Structures are given as C-alpha cells and as structure tokens.
Protein backbone atom coordinates (compact mmCIF):
# COMPACT_ATOMS: atom_id res chain seq x y z
CA MET A 1 0.00 0.00 0.00
CA TYR A 2 1.23 3.46 -0.93
CA ILE A 3 0.08 6.97 -0.18
CA ALA A 4 0.35 9.87 -2.61
CA LEU A 5 0.55 13.56 -1.75
CA LEU A 6 -1.69 15.25 -4.32
CA GLY A 7 -0.67 18.35 -6.26
CA ARG A 8 -2.04 21.89 -6.40
CA GLN A 9 -5.18 20.68 -8.21
CA PRO A 10 -5.98 17.54 -6.16
CA GLU A 11 -8.97 16.49 -8.27
CA ILE A 12 -6.77 16.31 -11.38
CA SER A 13 -4.06 14.48 -9.44
CA LEU A 14 -6.64 11.99 -8.22
CA ALA A 15 -7.96 11.44 -11.75
CA GLU A 16 -4.42 10.74 -12.95
CA LEU A 17 -3.88 8.13 -10.24
CA ALA A 18 -7.19 6.47 -11.14
CA ALA A 19 -6.17 6.38 -14.82
CA VAL A 20 -2.80 4.80 -14.06
CA PHE A 21 -3.69 2.38 -11.25
CA GLY A 22 -7.44 1.90 -11.75
CA ALA A 23 -10.23 3.72 -9.92
CA ASP A 24 -10.93 0.70 -7.70
CA TYR A 25 -7.40 0.86 -6.31
CA VAL A 26 -7.30 4.56 -5.46
CA ASN A 27 -8.99 5.95 -2.36
CA ARG A 28 -8.90 9.55 -1.20
CA ILE A 29 -8.07 9.65 2.51
CA SER A 30 -7.84 13.42 3.08
CA GLN A 31 -7.87 16.68 1.18
CA GLN A 32 -4.18 16.27 0.34
CA PHE A 33 -3.68 12.51 0.18
CA ALA A 34 -4.81 9.39 -1.64
CA GLU A 35 -4.20 5.75 -0.80
CA VAL A 36 -3.10 3.51 -3.68
CA GLN A 37 -3.29 -0.29 -3.58
CA THR A 38 -0.24 -1.33 -5.58
CA SER A 39 3.03 -3.17 -5.10
CA GLN A 40 5.00 -0.69 -7.24
CA PHE A 41 4.83 3.10 -7.40
CA ASP A 42 7.05 5.10 -9.75
CA ILE A 43 6.57 8.80 -9.04
CA THR A 44 8.64 9.80 -12.10
CA THR A 45 5.75 8.70 -14.35
CA LEU A 46 3.21 10.99 -12.65
CA GLY A 47 2.76 14.72 -13.08
CA GLY A 48 0.25 15.34 -10.30
CA THR A 49 1.82 13.51 -7.35
CA ILE A 50 4.19 15.51 -5.12
CA LYS A 51 5.42 12.73 -2.83
CA CYS A 52 4.84 9.00 -2.57
CA ALA A 53 5.46 6.77 0.43
CA LYS A 54 5.01 3.14 1.39
CA VAL A 55 2.71 2.53 4.34
CA ILE A 56 4.61 1.06 7.30
CA THR A 57 1.76 0.91 9.81
CA GLU A 58 -1.57 2.42 10.80
CA LEU A 59 -2.66 3.53 14.25
CA PRO A 60 -6.01 4.82 15.47
CA ALA A 61 -5.90 8.60 15.88
CA SER A 62 -6.03 9.74 19.50
CA ARG A 63 -8.40 12.35 20.93
CA THR A 64 -5.80 15.08 20.45
CA ASP A 65 -3.25 15.55 17.69
CA LYS A 66 -0.38 15.79 20.17
CA ALA A 67 -1.40 12.44 21.65
CA SER A 68 -1.51 10.97 18.12
CA LEU A 69 1.99 12.31 17.46
CA LEU A 70 3.23 10.81 20.72
CA ALA A 71 1.86 7.38 19.75
CA ALA A 72 3.49 7.66 16.33
CA SER A 73 6.75 8.74 17.95
CA ARG A 74 6.80 5.65 20.16
CA PHE A 75 6.30 3.38 17.16
CA ILE A 76 8.89 5.16 15.01
CA THR A 77 11.53 5.14 17.74
CA GLN A 78 11.07 1.43 18.45
CA HIS A 79 10.77 0.34 14.80
CA TYR A 80 13.69 2.31 13.38
CA GLN A 81 15.95 1.83 16.36
CA ALA A 82 15.77 -1.91 15.62
CA LYS A 83 16.02 -1.41 11.84
CA TRP A 84 18.97 1.00 11.82
CA ALA A 85 20.97 -0.17 14.84
CA HIS A 86 24.66 -0.74 14.01
CA SER A 87 24.14 0.52 10.45
CA PRO A 88 27.42 1.11 8.56
CA HIS A 89 25.71 3.93 6.66
CA LYS A 90 24.89 7.40 7.94
CA ILE A 91 21.12 7.89 7.99
CA THR A 92 19.54 11.08 6.67
CA LEU A 93 16.04 11.54 8.08
CA GLY A 94 13.23 14.00 7.47
CA LEU A 95 9.92 14.08 9.33
CA SER A 96 6.63 15.44 7.99
CA ALA A 97 3.31 15.67 9.82
CA TYR A 98 0.14 16.27 7.80
CA ASN A 99 -3.37 17.12 9.06
CA LEU A 100 -2.02 17.21 12.62
CA ASN A 101 -2.23 20.42 14.63
CA VAL A 102 1.33 20.23 15.92
CA SER A 103 4.36 22.50 15.66
CA ALA A 104 7.54 21.88 13.71
CA ARG A 105 9.32 21.50 17.04
CA ASP A 106 6.85 18.80 18.12
CA ALA A 107 7.48 16.88 14.89
CA GLN A 108 11.27 17.23 15.21
CA LYS A 109 11.29 15.78 18.74
CA THR A 110 10.71 12.28 17.35
CA GLY A 111 13.81 12.54 15.20
CA LEU A 112 15.92 13.87 18.06
CA ILE A 113 14.87 10.98 20.32
CA LEU A 114 15.66 8.48 17.57
CA LYS A 115 19.01 10.15 16.85
CA SER A 116 20.00 9.88 20.51
CA SER A 117 18.96 6.21 20.70
CA LEU A 118 20.83 5.26 17.52
CA LYS A 119 23.98 7.03 18.65
CA LYS A 120 24.26 4.53 21.51
CA SER A 121 24.33 1.68 18.97
CA GLY A 122 26.96 3.36 16.81
CA THR A 123 24.64 4.64 14.07
CA SER A 124 24.97 8.24 12.92
CA LEU A 125 21.74 10.05 11.99
CA ARG A 126 21.39 13.46 10.37
CA LEU A 127 18.00 15.05 11.02
CA ILE A 128 16.81 17.52 8.38
CA PRO A 129 15.94 20.79 10.16
CA ASN A 130 12.60 22.36 9.33
CA ASP A 131 10.54 25.32 10.49
CA GLN A 132 7.25 23.75 9.37
CA PRO A 133 5.54 20.50 10.46
CA ALA A 134 6.05 19.08 6.93
CA LEU A 135 9.09 19.22 4.66
CA SER A 136 8.69 21.10 1.39
CA THR A 137 9.11 19.36 -1.96
CA ALA A 138 12.34 21.27 -2.56
CA THR A 139 13.83 20.25 0.79
CA ALA A 140 12.94 16.59 0.29
CA HIS A 141 14.25 16.64 -3.29
CA ASN A 142 17.50 18.47 -2.52
CA ASN A 143 18.28 16.05 0.31
CA LYS A 144 17.43 13.07 -1.95
CA LEU A 145 14.94 11.70 0.56
CA GLY A 146 13.35 8.48 -0.66
CA SER A 147 16.20 7.77 -3.07
CA SER A 148 17.83 5.06 -0.93
CA PRO A 149 17.23 3.07 2.28
CA HIS A 150 19.54 5.50 4.08
CA LYS A 151 17.85 8.73 2.97
CA VAL A 152 14.33 8.61 4.37
CA GLU A 153 11.38 10.89 4.93
CA LEU A 154 8.75 9.61 7.34
CA LEU A 155 5.25 10.92 6.67
CA LEU A 156 2.63 10.99 9.43
CA ILE A 157 -0.85 11.53 8.04
CA LYS A 158 -4.15 11.79 9.89
CA THR A 159 -6.96 10.71 7.58
CA THR A 160 -10.52 11.99 7.46
CA ASN A 161 -11.74 8.75 9.11
CA ARG A 162 -9.29 9.27 12.00
CA ARG A 163 -6.59 6.82 11.07
CA LEU A 164 -2.96 7.74 11.64
CA ILE A 165 -0.77 6.47 8.81
CA ILE A 166 3.00 6.21 9.13
CA ALA A 167 4.66 5.88 5.74
CA GLU A 168 8.23 5.78 4.44
CA SER A 169 9.12 7.89 1.42
CA ARG A 170 9.77 6.24 -1.91
CA GLY A 171 10.24 9.38 -3.96
CA VAL A 172 9.47 13.06 -4.40
CA GLN A 173 8.61 15.04 -7.51
CA ASN A 174 11.83 15.88 -9.38
CA ILE A 175 11.54 19.65 -9.67
CA THR A 176 14.98 19.85 -11.29
CA ALA A 177 13.94 17.52 -14.12
CA TYR A 178 10.73 19.48 -14.76
CA THR A 179 12.69 22.74 -14.94
CA ARG A 180 15.11 21.15 -17.39
CA ARG A 181 12.26 19.92 -19.61
CA ASP A 182 10.65 23.34 -19.52
CA ARG A 183 13.78 25.26 -20.49
CA HIS A 184 15.16 22.88 -23.11
CA ARG A 185 12.10 22.11 -25.22
CA PRO A 186 12.49 22.55 -29.02
CA LYS A 187 10.73 25.92 -29.27
CA ARG A 188 9.27 28.55 -26.93
CA ASP A 189 6.26 30.56 -28.08
CA ALA A 190 4.52 32.67 -25.42
CA PHE A 191 1.97 33.96 -27.93
CA VAL A 192 0.30 30.62 -28.69
CA GLY A 193 0.60 29.43 -25.11
CA MET A 194 2.89 27.10 -23.20
CA LEU A 195 1.61 23.86 -21.69
CA PRO A 196 3.28 23.22 -18.30
CA PRO A 197 5.37 20.00 -18.27
CA LYS A 198 3.50 18.57 -15.27
CA LEU A 199 0.13 19.11 -16.95
CA ALA A 200 1.45 17.57 -20.17
CA GLN A 201 2.47 14.46 -18.25
CA ILE A 202 -0.92 14.29 -16.53
CA MET A 203 -2.67 14.56 -19.92
CA LEU A 204 -0.64 11.67 -21.28
CA ASN A 205 -1.57 9.51 -18.28
CA LEU A 206 -5.25 10.46 -18.54
CA ALA A 207 -5.17 9.40 -22.20
CA LEU A 208 -3.88 5.88 -21.53
CA GLY A 209 -5.47 3.21 -23.71
CA ALA A 210 -5.56 2.01 -27.30
CA GLY A 211 -6.17 4.73 -29.87
CA SER A 212 -5.74 7.57 -27.38
CA LEU A 213 -4.39 10.86 -28.69
CA VAL A 214 -3.19 14.05 -26.99
CA HIS A 215 -3.28 17.13 -29.22
CA GLN A 216 -1.07 20.08 -28.30
CA LYS A 217 -2.20 23.03 -30.38
CA SER A 218 0.98 25.06 -29.89
CA CYS A 219 3.28 22.16 -30.93
CA THR A 220 6.30 23.69 -29.19
CA GLY A 221 7.62 20.39 -27.96
CA ARG A 222 6.17 20.05 -24.46
CA ILE A 223 4.39 16.74 -25.10
CA PRO A 224 7.47 15.09 -26.68
CA ALA A 225 9.54 16.39 -23.78
CA VAL A 226 7.49 14.57 -21.13
CA SER A 227 6.83 11.43 -23.18
CA ALA A 228 10.46 10.88 -24.11
C-alpha cells in the first residue's frame, strides 16, 4: 500500500492516479492525500503527485493531535531503532506531519529521540531541520529523501476517518527535471501558449489506452519532452 501527496489541483491528481492504477485501487483519505493499492509506485511517471510513500503501519488517531503524534513517535523510535541499529551507513532523516495540529518543534522531537537512541548503537543520523511540520518538496528533493534506504522521509498523516498512517518515502517530484524539460524544449512561443510539463504528463496519463491521442495546439515540444 502506498500513499500519494496530491498536487495543487488535487482532483486532477486523483484522476491521474485512477487512470494509471485503476479507480478501484485509489482511495482519497484526506484533502491532500490518496491511498493507492499497488506493489510498485514510480513517481517519475506521474505529473500530479508531489510525494509518494510506502505505508509502514496504521494507528487509530487519539483524541488530540499531540497524543496521536506521541503514539506515532513511540512506534517510530522502536521500529527504526531496531532497523537502523549498528548501520554502517549514515542515515539522513526527514519528518513530515500532515493534518495534525502540531508545531515543527513537536514533529522534530521524534527525530531527536531516535538520533539519541541510535547514537548509543553506533549509528549516525542526520535530522533535516525544518521550520514547518512538513518538509517542502524542494527540501525533500534536494536532500534526496526516498532515493535510498539510508535517505528517508517519514510521513505521518491523519486521515478523514481518523486513522494515523505512518509511511516511508519512496520518492518526491523531481523539480529539477521538470525545470530542465521546460527550459530545453524545441521551441518557446509565449503567444500561442505554453503547456506546463506537469500538466502535459498528466494529460498523457489520462489518455492511456488504445487509440488515445493528446493534441497540443501550440506544438512547441512540451508533449514530446514529457513522453520521451
């Protein structure tokens, strides 16, 4: 099971996920997130998903958000202390809390506790500092979180039906690649209009199926750039 952080237009992002994975396998769990029943999730093929993460566990949400965070903190400390103890690799960790009314400092406490525990077992952990409860796309991307087992972002999400999901990042939208596609397309023409690369990729995914066709009126190379 995976969770997907939806983009600026969540309805379009949700439609893209349904087109790629099948509507029966996609379930919206909050304003920002969808749950996807799949064994594989490649964020590089999606234009409308900001982050993706594999579900590690679910807990019932407590009466208060701080109590929910405390329960999640206990699980994370125990689970990752066992997983990363005596690791020969330095761990880079980011923590993000969504739909929880907690401060950035509250969210960071979990990482500091884990860092202290791992130090006793000889494992070095670098905690990504943040002044918000959730890491931005740029911060996650620039720190390569989700790119390896040693560069991890943990996402804590409270759902609309009061579940608390703890998920481990498996990728973040590559903002560098999108910028490169945007700037190096065959031709730029502001007069006829410029289709954003993310939207072009979403359109291609929405058009999946035999005989499907995406028509770009301006023909300035945006569709080829995202389909290459």
